Amino acid sequence: MRKKRVLILEINDKNFNSLESILKQEGYESIQYRFDVEDFDFNAEDLDVALVNTNIDYINIEQVFTRINLNNVIKVPIVFLDNSQEHDKQVLQKCYENGGSDFIKRPFGSKEIISRLNYHCEQIYKLREYKLRVDKLAHLATVDQMSKLTSKMHMQGILKHQVSNFNRYKSPTSILYIGLESVDRAVSTFGFEYGEKMIQLFSKQLKNLLRDSDAVSRWYGSNFMILLSGTNVKQAEIVAKKLNTSLSTLEIMNDTKPVVAFGITEFTEDDSVEEIEQRAVYALKEAKKKDYGKIFVC
């Protein structure tokens, strides 16, 4: 585990050396020491806490929080240190109004400083850990773990948005519903793990053949749904034929070439996601019945 990293903003060399020595003994690492906030040059993600002397005349307290936390989702705690002789309520108020997490007033000792910094470091560690968990859950919700394509749940959200967009702007939009027929035969011969590997490799190759603007999802089993925005049904059929040609020349595993079928449908006025899916499923079912071409438009 890395050391706790503290930014010390202090004009007095003696004070700085004293603070750095105290913090170093407690496992802190001073990553920056500047007189002026405009001179800051560091990655805020590497910073755990900031210790700022309020008595530096030419430091603008309003700029300190902005400069440190401008792009941070989780804000770095800033502890203001005031060693002036007299208590100034206006300084205290300004510090808290501008994002200060804590304010230490003279007289203070090393134990108080360490205790407060440790507390704020502990809080930011908890927040960062929580964010990592949330990000991981969000990733699991939006990415299909087998194919690494868009998950069905996330694709349904994309389709709802696209349906709303179509009903408003009438921009042509089509669906390609692809069935990878090779998988069933592979599973019956070599087992489920072999089939899963085929789906993973096919998914990667399929994604590489599509435009960046095309959303592609593993919808169910070895079936894949592609959302083609700005594409009418005739253009979608051309896309399907090109994909079929490209995919038929590829080798997925052990000289196995993909056998695919394409169901095609186009958005119509007042469509729902359920209606679009039903037409796409029907189109794919009919496409699989064909001996050659295996493309059906519904």
C-alpha atoms as a PDB file:
ATOM      1  CA  MET A   1       0.000   0.000   0.000  1.00  0.00           C
ATOM      2  CA  ARG A   2       1.386   3.399  -0.965  1.00  0.00           C
ATOM      3  CA  LYS A   3       2.013   6.158   1.541  1.00  0.00           C
ATOM      4  CA  LYS A   4      -0.645   8.792   2.207  1.00  0.00           C
ATOM      5  CA  ARG A   5       0.117  11.781   0.029  1.00  0.00           C
ATOM      6  CA  VAL A   6      -0.275  15.324   1.298  1.00  0.00           C
ATOM      7  CA  LEU A   7       0.072  18.653  -0.450  1.00  0.00           C
ATOM      8  CA  ILE A   8       1.584  21.257   1.879  1.00  0.00           C
ATOM      9  CA  LEU A   9       1.074  24.890   0.953  1.00  0.00           C
ATOM     10  CA  GLU A  10       3.258  26.902   3.314  1.00  0.00           C
ATOM     11  CA  ILE A  11       5.385  30.029   2.810  1.00  0.00           C
ATOM     12  CA  ASN A  12       7.642  29.596   5.839  1.00  0.00           C
ATOM     13  CA  ASP A  13      10.468  27.102   5.295  1.00  0.00           C
ATOM     14  CA  LYS A  14      10.742  26.372   8.996  1.00  0.00           C
ATOM     15  CA  ASN A  15       7.025  25.634   9.291  1.00  0.00           C
ATOM     16  CA  PHE A  16       7.112  23.504   6.174  1.00  0.00           C
ATOM     17  CA  ASN A  17      10.091  21.443   7.347  1.00  0.00           C
ATOM     18  CA  SER A  18       8.445  20.935  10.724  1.00  0.00           C
ATOM     19  CA  LEU A  19       5.153  19.800   9.167  1.00  0.00           C
ATOM     20  CA  GLU A  20       6.878  17.537   6.672  1.00  0.00           C
ATOM     21  CA  SER A  21       8.966  15.911   9.423  1.00  0.00           C
ATOM     22  CA  ILE A  22       5.898  15.254  11.589  1.00  0.00           C
ATOM     23  CA  LEU A  23       3.896  13.835   8.700  1.00  0.00           C
ATOM     24  CA  LYS A  24       6.760  11.707   7.403  1.00  0.00           C
ATOM     25  CA  GLN A  25       7.015   9.980  10.785  1.00  0.00           C
ATOM     26  CA  GLU A  26       3.315   9.085  10.470  1.00  0.00           C
ATOM     27  CA  GLY A  27       3.653   7.541   7.007  1.00  0.00           C
ATOM     28  CA  TYR A  28       2.835  10.573   4.871  1.00  0.00           C
ATOM     29  CA  GLU A  29       4.603  11.615   1.706  1.00  0.00           C
ATOM     30  CA  SER A  30       4.789  15.273   0.736  1.00  0.00           C
ATOM     31  CA  ILE A  31       4.225  15.402  -3.012  1.00  0.00           C
ATOM     32  CA  GLN A  32       4.252  19.158  -3.560  1.00  0.00           C
ATOM     33  CA  TYR A  33       5.428  22.367  -1.936  1.00  0.00           C
ATOM     34  CA  ARG A  34       4.599  25.660  -3.600  1.00  0.00           C
ATOM     35  CA  PHE A  35       4.166  29.224  -2.416  1.00  0.00           C
ATOM     36  CA  ASP A  36       1.577  30.172  -5.005  1.00  0.00           C
ATOM     37  CA  VAL A  37      -1.561  28.297  -6.066  1.00  0.00           C
ATOM     38  CA  GLU A  38      -0.855  29.204  -9.698  1.00  0.00           C
ATOM     39  CA  ASP A  39       2.343  27.140  -9.551  1.00  0.00           C
ATOM     40  CA  PHE A  40       0.536  23.873  -8.771  1.00  0.00           C
ATOM     41  CA  ASP A  41       1.679  21.061 -11.032  1.00  0.00           C
ATOM     42  CA  PHE A  42       0.434  17.650  -9.923  1.00  0.00           C
ATOM     43  CA  ASN A  43      -2.118  14.947 -10.624  1.00  0.00           C
ATOM     44  CA  ALA A  44      -4.918  15.431  -8.108  1.00  0.00           C
ATOM     45  CA  GLU A  45      -5.718  11.700  -8.277  1.00  0.00           C
ATOM     46  CA  ASP A  46      -2.380  11.089  -6.542  1.00  0.00           C
ATOM     47  CA  LEU A  47      -3.332  13.412  -3.686  1.00  0.00           C
ATOM     48  CA  ASP A  48      -5.104  12.291  -0.492  1.00  0.00           C
ATOM     49  CA  VAL A  49      -5.276  15.512   1.514  1.00  0.00           C
ATOM     50  CA  ALA A  50      -4.081  19.119   1.333  1.00  0.00           C
ATOM     51  CA  LEU A  51      -2.743  21.203   4.226  1.00  0.00           C
ATOM     52  CA  VAL A  52      -2.909  24.940   3.513  1.00  0.00           C
ATOM     53  CA  ASN A  53      -1.685  27.854   5.619  1.00  0.00           C
ATOM     54  CA  THR A  54      -4.296  30.638   5.533  1.00  0.00           C
ATOM     55  CA  ASN A  55      -1.711  33.308   6.354  1.00  0.00           C
ATOM     56  CA  ILE A  56      -0.046  33.431   2.949  1.00  0.00           C
ATOM     57  CA  ASP A  57      -1.113  36.875   1.823  1.00  0.00           C
ATOM     58  CA  TYR A  58      -0.972  36.289  -1.900  1.00  0.00           C
ATOM     59  CA  ILE A  59      -2.846  32.958  -1.923  1.00  0.00           C
ATOM     60  CA  ASN A  60      -6.466  33.344  -2.948  1.00  0.00           C
ATOM     61  CA  ILE A  61      -8.460  30.907  -0.810  1.00  0.00           C
ATOM     62  CA  GLU A  62     -11.193  30.808  -3.455  1.00  0.00           C
ATOM     63  CA  GLN A  63      -8.664  29.421  -5.970  1.00  0.00           C
ATOM     64  CA  VAL A  64      -7.270  26.680  -3.761  1.00  0.00           C
ATOM     65  CA  PHE A  65     -10.302  24.370  -3.896  1.00  0.00           C
ATOM     66  CA  THR A  66     -10.895  25.004  -7.609  1.00  0.00           C
ATOM     67  CA  ARG A  67      -7.269  24.337  -8.532  1.00  0.00           C
ATOM     68  CA  ILE A  68      -7.078  21.098  -6.563  1.00  0.00           C
ATOM     69  CA  ASN A  69     -10.550  19.715  -7.242  1.00  0.00           C
ATOM     70  CA  LEU A  70     -11.532  21.158 -10.609  1.00  0.00           C
ATOM     71  CA  ASN A  71     -11.904  17.786 -12.346  1.00  0.00           C
ATOM     72  CA  ASN A  72     -12.240  15.497  -9.340  1.00  0.00           C
ATOM     73  CA  VAL A  73     -15.415  13.451  -8.872  1.00  0.00           C
ATOM     74  CA  ILE A  74     -14.312  12.730  -5.309  1.00  0.00           C
ATOM     75  CA  LYS A  75     -13.046  15.949  -3.809  1.00  0.00           C
ATOM     76  CA  VAL A  76      -9.673  15.979  -2.065  1.00  0.00           C
ATOM     77  CA  PRO A  77     -10.146  17.207   1.515  1.00  0.00           C
ATOM     78  CA  ILE A  78      -8.471  20.535   2.252  1.00  0.00           C
ATOM     79  CA  VAL A  79      -7.424  21.301   5.819  1.00  0.00           C
ATOM     80  CA  PHE A  80      -6.704  24.967   6.477  1.00  0.00           C
ATOM     81  CA  LEU A  81      -4.114  25.790   9.111  1.00  0.00           C
ATOM     82  CA  ASP A  82      -4.382  29.196  10.794  1.00  0.00           C
ATOM     83  CA  ASN A  83      -1.489  30.119  13.090  1.00  0.00           C
ATOM     84  CA  SER A  84      -2.372  33.781  13.466  1.00  0.00           C
ATOM     85  CA  GLN A  85      -2.471  35.285  16.949  1.00  0.00           C
ATOM     86  CA  GLU A  86      -6.085  36.436  16.772  1.00  0.00           C
ATOM     87  CA  HIS A  87      -9.120  34.454  15.696  1.00  0.00           C
ATOM     88  CA  ASP A  88     -10.655  35.803  12.496  1.00  0.00           C
ATOM     89  CA  LYS A  89     -14.213  34.561  11.906  1.00  0.00           C
ATOM     90  CA  GLN A  90     -14.182  35.916   8.369  1.00  0.00           C
ATOM     91  CA  VAL A  91     -11.184  33.755   7.445  1.00  0.00           C
ATOM     92  CA  LEU A  92     -12.905  30.718   8.970  1.00  0.00           C
ATOM     93  CA  GLN A  93     -16.095  31.434   7.048  1.00  0.00           C
ATOM     94  CA  LYS A  94     -14.230  31.961   3.776  1.00  0.00           C
ATOM     95  CA  CYS A  95     -12.376  28.661   4.163  1.00  0.00           C
ATOM     96  CA  TYR A  96     -15.572  26.646   4.619  1.00  0.00           C
ATOM     97  CA  GLU A  97     -17.456  28.563   1.925  1.00  0.00           C
ATOM     98  CA  ASN A  98     -14.707  27.650  -0.547  1.00  0.00           C
ATOM     99  CA  GLY A  99     -14.669  23.907   0.022  1.00  0.00           C
ATOM    100  CA  GLY A 100     -12.559  23.566   3.149  1.00  0.00           C
ATOM    101  CA  SER A 101     -13.017  20.244   4.962  1.00  0.00           C
ATOM    102  CA  ASP A 102     -11.432  21.316   8.228  1.00  0.00           C
ATOM    103  CA  PHE A 103      -9.893  24.302   9.993  1.00  0.00           C
ATOM    104  CA  ILE A 104      -7.182  24.052  12.643  1.00  0.00           C
ATOM    105  CA  LYS A 105      -6.669  27.129  14.791  1.00  0.00           C
ATOM    106  CA  ARG A 106      -3.659  28.030  16.876  1.00  0.00           C
ATOM    107  CA  PRO A 107      -2.634  26.755  19.391  1.00  0.00           C
ATOM    108  CA  PHE A 108      -2.323  23.287  17.864  1.00  0.00           C
ATOM    109  CA  GLY A 109      -0.001  20.339  18.290  1.00  0.00           C
ATOM    110  CA  SER A 110       1.332  17.605  16.062  1.00  0.00           C
ATOM    111  CA  LYS A 111      -1.130  15.046  17.455  1.00  0.00           C
ATOM    112  CA  GLU A 112      -4.098  17.205  16.517  1.00  0.00           C
ATOM    113  CA  ILE A 113      -2.813  17.738  12.985  1.00  0.00           C
ATOM    114  CA  ILE A 114      -2.098  14.043  12.485  1.00  0.00           C
ATOM    115  CA  SER A 115      -5.438  13.008  13.950  1.00  0.00           C
ATOM    116  CA  ARG A 116      -7.420  15.303  11.671  1.00  0.00           C
ATOM    117  CA  LEU A 117      -5.449  14.437   8.533  1.00  0.00           C
ATOM    118  CA  ASN A 118      -5.788  10.719   9.280  1.00  0.00           C
ATOM    119  CA  TYR A 119      -9.547  11.142   9.606  1.00  0.00           C
ATOM    120  CA  HIS A 120      -9.886  12.910   6.264  1.00  0.00           C
ATOM    121  CA  CYS A 121      -7.607  10.378   4.527  1.00  0.00           C
ATOM    122  CA  GLU A 122      -9.745   7.559   5.896  1.00  0.00           C
ATOM    123  CA  GLN A 123     -12.888   9.237   4.535  1.00  0.00           C
ATOM    124  CA  ILE A 124     -11.489   9.763   1.052  1.00  0.00           C
ATOM    125  CA  TYR A 125     -10.256   6.148   0.949  1.00  0.00           C
ATOM    126  CA  LYS A 126     -13.781   4.959   1.775  1.00  0.00           C
ATOM    127  CA  LEU A 127     -15.291   7.185  -0.916  1.00  0.00           C
ATOM    128  CA  ARG A 128     -12.798   5.993  -3.525  1.00  0.00           C
ATOM    129  CA  GLU A 129     -13.449   2.356  -2.644  1.00  0.00           C
ATOM    130  CA  TYR A 130     -17.189   2.959  -2.891  1.00  0.00           C
ATOM    131  CA  LYS A 131     -16.776   4.610  -6.302  1.00  0.00           C
ATOM    132  CA  LEU A 132     -14.741   1.652  -7.554  1.00  0.00           C
ATOM    133  CA  ARG A 133     -17.526  -0.702  -6.495  1.00  0.00           C
ATOM    134  CA  VAL A 134     -20.181   1.459  -8.148  1.00  0.00           C
ATOM    135  CA  ASP A 135     -18.125   1.692 -11.351  1.00  0.00           C
ATOM    136  CA  LYS A 136     -17.661  -2.071 -11.359  1.00  0.00           C
ATOM    137  CA  LEU A 137     -21.396  -2.657 -10.931  1.00  0.00           C
ATOM    138  CA  ALA A 138     -22.127  -0.149 -13.707  1.00  0.00           C
ATOM    139  CA  HIS A 139     -19.684  -1.981 -15.964  1.00  0.00           C
ATOM    140  CA  LEU A 140     -21.303  -5.327 -15.171  1.00  0.00           C
ATOM    141  CA  ALA A 141     -24.716  -3.852 -15.958  1.00  0.00           C
ATOM    142  CA  THR A 142     -23.712  -2.388 -19.333  1.00  0.00           C
ATOM    143  CA  VAL A 143     -21.262  -5.006 -20.649  1.00  0.00           C
ATOM    144  CA  ASP A 144     -22.063  -8.635 -21.428  1.00  0.00           C
ATOM    145  CA  GLN A 145     -19.381 -10.585 -19.600  1.00  0.00           C
ATOM    146  CA  MET A 146     -19.104 -13.390 -22.158  1.00  0.00           C
ATOM    147  CA  SER A 147     -18.940 -11.402 -25.384  1.00  0.00           C
ATOM    148  CA  LYS A 148     -17.716  -8.046 -23.976  1.00  0.00           C
ATOM    149  CA  LEU A 149     -20.398  -6.412 -26.125  1.00  0.00           C
ATOM    150  CA  THR A 150     -23.233  -4.228 -24.852  1.00  0.00           C
ATOM    151  CA  SER A 151     -25.437  -6.135 -22.417  1.00  0.00           C
ATOM    152  CA  LYS A 152     -29.054  -6.863 -23.297  1.00  0.00           C
ATOM    153  CA  MET A 153     -30.282  -4.693 -20.421  1.00  0.00           C
ATOM    154  CA  HIS A 154     -28.225  -1.716 -21.587  1.00  0.00           C
ATOM    155  CA  MET A 155     -29.204  -2.319 -25.213  1.00  0.00           C
ATOM    156  CA  GLN A 156     -32.871  -2.184 -24.227  1.00  0.00           C
ATOM    157  CA  GLY A 157     -32.244   1.273 -22.798  1.00  0.00           C
ATOM    158  CA  ILE A 158     -30.498   2.323 -26.020  1.00  0.00           C
ATOM    159  CA  LEU A 159     -33.432   1.021 -28.076  1.00  0.00           C
ATOM    160  CA  LYS A 160     -35.961   2.939 -25.962  1.00  0.00           C
ATOM    161  CA  HIS A 161     -34.002   6.124 -26.501  1.00  0.00           C
ATOM    162  CA  GLN A 162     -33.668   5.413 -30.226  1.00  0.00           C
ATOM    163  CA  VAL A 163     -37.413   4.713 -30.562  1.00  0.00           C
ATOM    164  CA  SER A 164     -38.165   8.058 -28.925  1.00  0.00           C
ATOM    165  CA  ASN A 165     -35.649   9.750 -31.192  1.00  0.00           C
ATOM    166  CA  PHE A 166     -37.164   8.093 -34.278  1.00  0.00           C
ATOM    167  CA  ASN A 167     -40.704   9.123 -33.382  1.00  0.00           C
ATOM    168  CA  ARG A 168     -39.525  12.706 -33.039  1.00  0.00           C
ATOM    169  CA  TYR A 169     -37.146  13.110 -35.986  1.00  0.00           C
ATOM    170  CA  LYS A 170     -38.176  10.215 -38.288  1.00  0.00           C
ATOM    171  CA  SER A 171     -34.552   9.375 -38.999  1.00  0.00           C
ATOM    172  CA  PRO A 172     -34.395   5.903 -40.637  1.00  0.00           C
ATOM    173  CA  THR A 173     -33.287   3.217 -38.195  1.00  0.00           C
ATOM    174  CA  SER A 174     -32.982  -0.527 -38.668  1.00  0.00           C
ATOM    175  CA  ILE A 175     -32.201  -3.647 -36.673  1.00  0.00           C
ATOM    176  CA  LEU A 176     -30.028  -6.581 -37.694  1.00  0.00           C
ATOM    177  CA  TYR A 177     -30.741  -9.642 -35.600  1.00  0.00           C
ATOM    178  CA  ILE A 178     -27.961 -12.160 -36.201  1.00  0.00           C
ATOM    179  CA  GLY A 179     -27.955 -15.814 -35.284  1.00  0.00           C
ATOM    180  CA  LEU A 180     -24.610 -17.634 -35.060  1.00  0.00           C
ATOM    181  CA  GLU A 181     -25.749 -21.118 -36.058  1.00  0.00           C
ATOM    182  CA  SER A 182     -22.293 -22.698 -35.825  1.00  0.00           C
ATOM    183  CA  VAL A 183     -22.428 -22.624 -32.026  1.00  0.00           C
ATOM    184  CA  ASP A 184     -25.135 -25.257 -31.573  1.00  0.00           C
ATOM    185  CA  ARG A 185     -23.203 -27.821 -33.595  1.00  0.00           C
ATOM    186  CA  ALA A 186     -19.950 -26.962 -31.820  1.00  0.00           C
ATOM    187  CA  VAL A 187     -21.533 -27.315 -28.374  1.00  0.00           C
ATOM    188  CA  SER A 188     -23.041 -30.706 -29.214  1.00  0.00           C
ATOM    189  CA  THR A 189     -19.627 -31.910 -30.394  1.00  0.00           C
ATOM    190  CA  PHE A 190     -17.110 -30.194 -28.128  1.00  0.00           C
ATOM    191  CA  GLY A 191     -19.093 -28.903 -25.137  1.00  0.00           C
ATOM    192  CA  PHE A 192     -20.264 -25.566 -23.729  1.00  0.00           C
ATOM    193  CA  GLU A 193     -16.798 -24.104 -23.059  1.00  0.00           C
ATOM    194  CA  TYR A 194     -15.924 -24.481 -26.737  1.00  0.00           C
ATOM    195  CA  GLY A 195     -19.200 -22.768 -27.660  1.00  0.00           C
ATOM    196  CA  GLU A 196     -18.528 -19.876 -25.302  1.00  0.00           C
ATOM    197  CA  LYS A 197     -15.072 -19.394 -26.791  1.00  0.00           C
ATOM    198  CA  MET A 198     -16.614 -19.288 -30.264  1.00  0.00           C
ATOM    199  CA  ILE A 199     -19.059 -16.595 -29.142  1.00  0.00           C
ATOM    200  CA  GLN A 200     -16.223 -14.530 -27.650  1.00  0.00           C
ATOM    201  CA  LEU A 201     -14.100 -14.670 -30.817  1.00  0.00           C
ATOM    202  CA  PHE A 202     -17.073 -14.084 -33.120  1.00  0.00           C
ATOM    203  CA  SER A 203     -18.167 -11.069 -31.038  1.00  0.00           C
ATOM    204  CA  LYS A 204     -14.758  -9.473 -31.375  1.00  0.00           C
ATOM    205  CA  GLN A 205     -14.688 -10.000 -35.140  1.00  0.00           C
ATOM    206  CA  LEU A 206     -18.263  -8.744 -35.552  1.00  0.00           C
ATOM    207  CA  LYS A 207     -17.520  -5.557 -33.600  1.00  0.00           C
ATOM    208  CA  ASN A 208     -14.507  -4.839 -35.807  1.00  0.00           C
ATOM    209  CA  LEU A 209     -16.680  -4.982 -38.931  1.00  0.00           C
ATOM    210  CA  LEU A 210     -19.198  -2.398 -37.695  1.00  0.00           C
ATOM    211  CA  ARG A 211     -19.191   1.393 -37.557  1.00  0.00           C
ATOM    212  CA  ASP A 212     -18.403   3.076 -34.254  1.00  0.00           C
ATOM    213  CA  SER A 213     -21.937   4.501 -34.286  1.00  0.00           C
ATOM    214  CA  ASP A 214     -23.529   1.022 -34.464  1.00  0.00           C
ATOM    215  CA  ALA A 215     -24.598  -0.456 -31.128  1.00  0.00           C
ATOM    216  CA  VAL A 216     -24.183  -4.244 -30.932  1.00  0.00           C
ATOM    217  CA  SER A 217     -25.356  -6.540 -28.168  1.00  0.00           C
ATOM    218  CA  ARG A 218     -25.376 -10.244 -27.402  1.00  0.00           C
ATOM    219  CA  TRP A 219     -29.126 -10.430 -27.079  1.00  0.00           C
ATOM    220  CA  TYR A 220     -29.767 -14.048 -26.269  1.00  0.00           C
ATOM    221  CA  GLY A 221     -27.571 -17.155 -26.386  1.00  0.00           C
ATOM    222  CA  SER A 222     -25.689 -16.967 -29.690  1.00  0.00           C
ATOM    223  CA  ASN A 223     -27.951 -14.262 -31.154  1.00  0.00           C
ATOM    224  CA  PHE A 224     -26.755 -10.692 -31.616  1.00  0.00           C
ATOM    225  CA  MET A 225     -28.687  -7.474 -32.135  1.00  0.00           C
ATOM    226  CA  ILE A 226     -27.234  -4.545 -34.057  1.00  0.00           C
ATOM    227  CA  LEU A 227     -28.817  -1.092 -34.068  1.00  0.00           C
ATOM    228  CA  LEU A 228     -28.135   0.733 -37.341  1.00  0.00           C
ATOM    229  CA  SER A 229     -28.962   4.410 -36.942  1.00  0.00           C
ATOM    230  CA  GLY A 230     -29.503   6.498 -40.073  1.00  0.00           C
ATOM    231  CA  THR A 231     -30.083   3.292 -42.044  1.00  0.00           C
ATOM    232  CA  ASN A 232     -33.268   2.228 -43.834  1.00  0.00           C
ATOM    233  CA  VAL A 233     -34.234  -1.382 -44.427  1.00  0.00           C
ATOM    234  CA  LYS A 234     -32.721  -1.548 -47.947  1.00  0.00           C
ATOM    235  CA  GLN A 235     -29.425  -0.162 -46.675  1.00  0.00           C
ATOM    236  CA  ALA A 236     -29.572  -2.598 -43.732  1.00  0.00           C
ATOM    237  CA  GLU A 237     -29.938  -5.492 -46.186  1.00  0.00           C
ATOM    238  CA  ILE A 238     -26.806  -4.307 -47.998  1.00  0.00           C
ATOM    239  CA  VAL A 239     -24.980  -4.186 -44.634  1.00  0.00           C
ATOM    240  CA  ALA A 240     -26.160  -7.721 -43.861  1.00  0.00           C
ATOM    241  CA  LYS A 241     -24.888  -9.043 -47.208  1.00  0.00           C
ATOM    242  CA  LYS A 242     -21.489  -7.387 -46.675  1.00  0.00           C
ATOM    243  CA  LEU A 243     -21.253  -8.786 -43.152  1.00  0.00           C
ATOM    244  CA  ASN A 244     -22.240 -12.215 -44.389  1.00  0.00           C
ATOM    245  CA  THR A 245     -19.506 -12.125 -47.025  1.00  0.00           C
ATOM    246  CA  SER A 246     -16.862 -10.902 -44.574  1.00  0.00           C
ATOM    247  CA  LEU A 247     -17.828 -13.283 -41.775  1.00  0.00           C
ATOM    248  CA  SER A 248     -18.009 -16.327 -44.056  1.00  0.00           C
ATOM    249  CA  THR A 249     -14.311 -15.946 -44.862  1.00  0.00           C
ATOM    250  CA  LEU A 250     -13.220 -15.817 -41.228  1.00  0.00           C
ATOM    251  CA  GLU A 251     -12.102 -18.727 -39.102  1.00  0.00           C
ATOM    252  CA  ILE A 252     -13.342 -18.651 -35.535  1.00  0.00           C
ATOM    253  CA  MET A 253     -11.677 -21.722 -34.045  1.00  0.00           C
ATOM    254  CA  ASN A 254      -9.867 -24.746 -35.447  1.00  0.00           C
ATOM    255  CA  ASP A 255     -10.812 -24.039 -39.064  1.00  0.00           C
ATOM    256  CA  THR A 256     -14.443 -23.455 -38.054  1.00  0.00           C
ATOM    257  CA  LYS A 257     -16.136 -20.777 -40.173  1.00  0.00           C
ATOM    258  CA  PRO A 258     -19.190 -18.976 -38.810  1.00  0.00           C
ATOM    259  CA  VAL A 259     -22.579 -19.844 -40.260  1.00  0.00           C
ATOM    260  CA  VAL A 260     -24.865 -16.861 -39.683  1.00  0.00           C
ATOM    261  CA  ALA A 261     -28.437 -15.829 -40.444  1.00  0.00           C
ATOM    262  CA  PHE A 262     -29.808 -12.274 -40.534  1.00  0.00           C
ATOM    263  CA  GLY A 263     -33.235 -11.031 -39.540  1.00  0.00           C
ATOM    264  CA  ILE A 264     -33.877  -7.412 -40.576  1.00  0.00           C
ATOM    265  CA  THR A 265     -36.566  -4.971 -39.543  1.00  0.00           C
ATOM    266  CA  GLU A 266     -36.975  -1.208 -39.736  1.00  0.00           C
ATOM    267  CA  PHE A 267     -38.443   1.180 -37.164  1.00  0.00           C
ATOM    268  CA  THR A 268     -41.969   2.333 -37.971  1.00  0.00           C
ATOM    269  CA  GLU A 269     -44.079   5.086 -36.476  1.00  0.00           C
ATOM    270  CA  ASP A 270     -45.304   4.464 -32.910  1.00  0.00           C
ATOM    271  CA  ASP A 271     -43.156   1.322 -32.599  1.00  0.00           C
ATOM    272  CA  SER A 272     -42.330  -0.046 -29.183  1.00  0.00           C
ATOM    273  CA  VAL A 273     -39.155  -1.931 -28.273  1.00  0.00           C
ATOM    274  CA  GLU A 274     -41.244  -5.073 -27.766  1.00  0.00           C
ATOM    275  CA  GLU A 275     -42.766  -4.831 -31.255  1.00  0.00           C
ATOM    276  CA  ILE A 276     -39.380  -4.267 -32.861  1.00  0.00           C
ATOM    277  CA  GLU A 277     -37.922  -7.256 -31.016  1.00  0.00           C
ATOM    278  CA  GLN A 278     -40.836  -9.484 -32.051  1.00  0.00           C
ATOM    279  CA  ARG A 279     -40.364  -8.601 -35.728  1.00  0.00           C
ATOM    280  CA  ALA A 280     -36.595  -9.135 -35.467  1.00  0.00           C
ATOM    281  CA  VAL A 281     -37.062 -12.560 -33.834  1.00  0.00           C
ATOM    282  CA  TYR A 282     -39.558 -13.588 -36.493  1.00  0.00           C
ATOM    283  CA  ALA A 283     -37.262 -12.381 -39.290  1.00  0.00           C
ATOM    284  CA  LEU A 284     -34.321 -14.365 -37.923  1.00  0.00           C
ATOM    285  CA  LYS A 285     -36.473 -17.467 -37.561  1.00  0.00           C
ATOM    286  CA  GLU A 286     -37.457 -17.207 -41.224  1.00  0.00           C
ATOM    287  CA  ALA A 287     -33.864 -16.484 -42.290  1.00  0.00           C
ATOM    288  CA  LYS A 288     -32.652 -19.689 -40.628  1.00  0.00           C
ATOM    289  CA  LYS A 289     -35.079 -21.702 -42.765  1.00  0.00           C
ATOM    290  CA  LYS A 290     -33.285 -20.639 -45.933  1.00  0.00           C
ATOM    291  CA  ASP A 291     -30.657 -22.873 -47.465  1.00  0.00           C
ATOM    292  CA  TYR A 292     -28.640 -19.986 -48.929  1.00  0.00           C
ATOM    293  CA  GLY A 293     -28.293 -16.285 -48.210  1.00  0.00           C
ATOM    294  CA  LYS A 294     -30.092 -16.623 -44.890  1.00  0.00           C
ATOM    295  CA  ILE A 295     -31.373 -13.041 -44.893  1.00  0.00           C
ATOM    296  CA  PHE A 296     -35.011 -12.212 -44.256  1.00  0.00           C
ATOM    297  CA  VAL A 297     -36.638  -8.780 -44.072  1.00  0.00           C
ATOM    298  CA  CYS A 298     -39.715  -8.209 -41.966  1.00  0.00           C
END
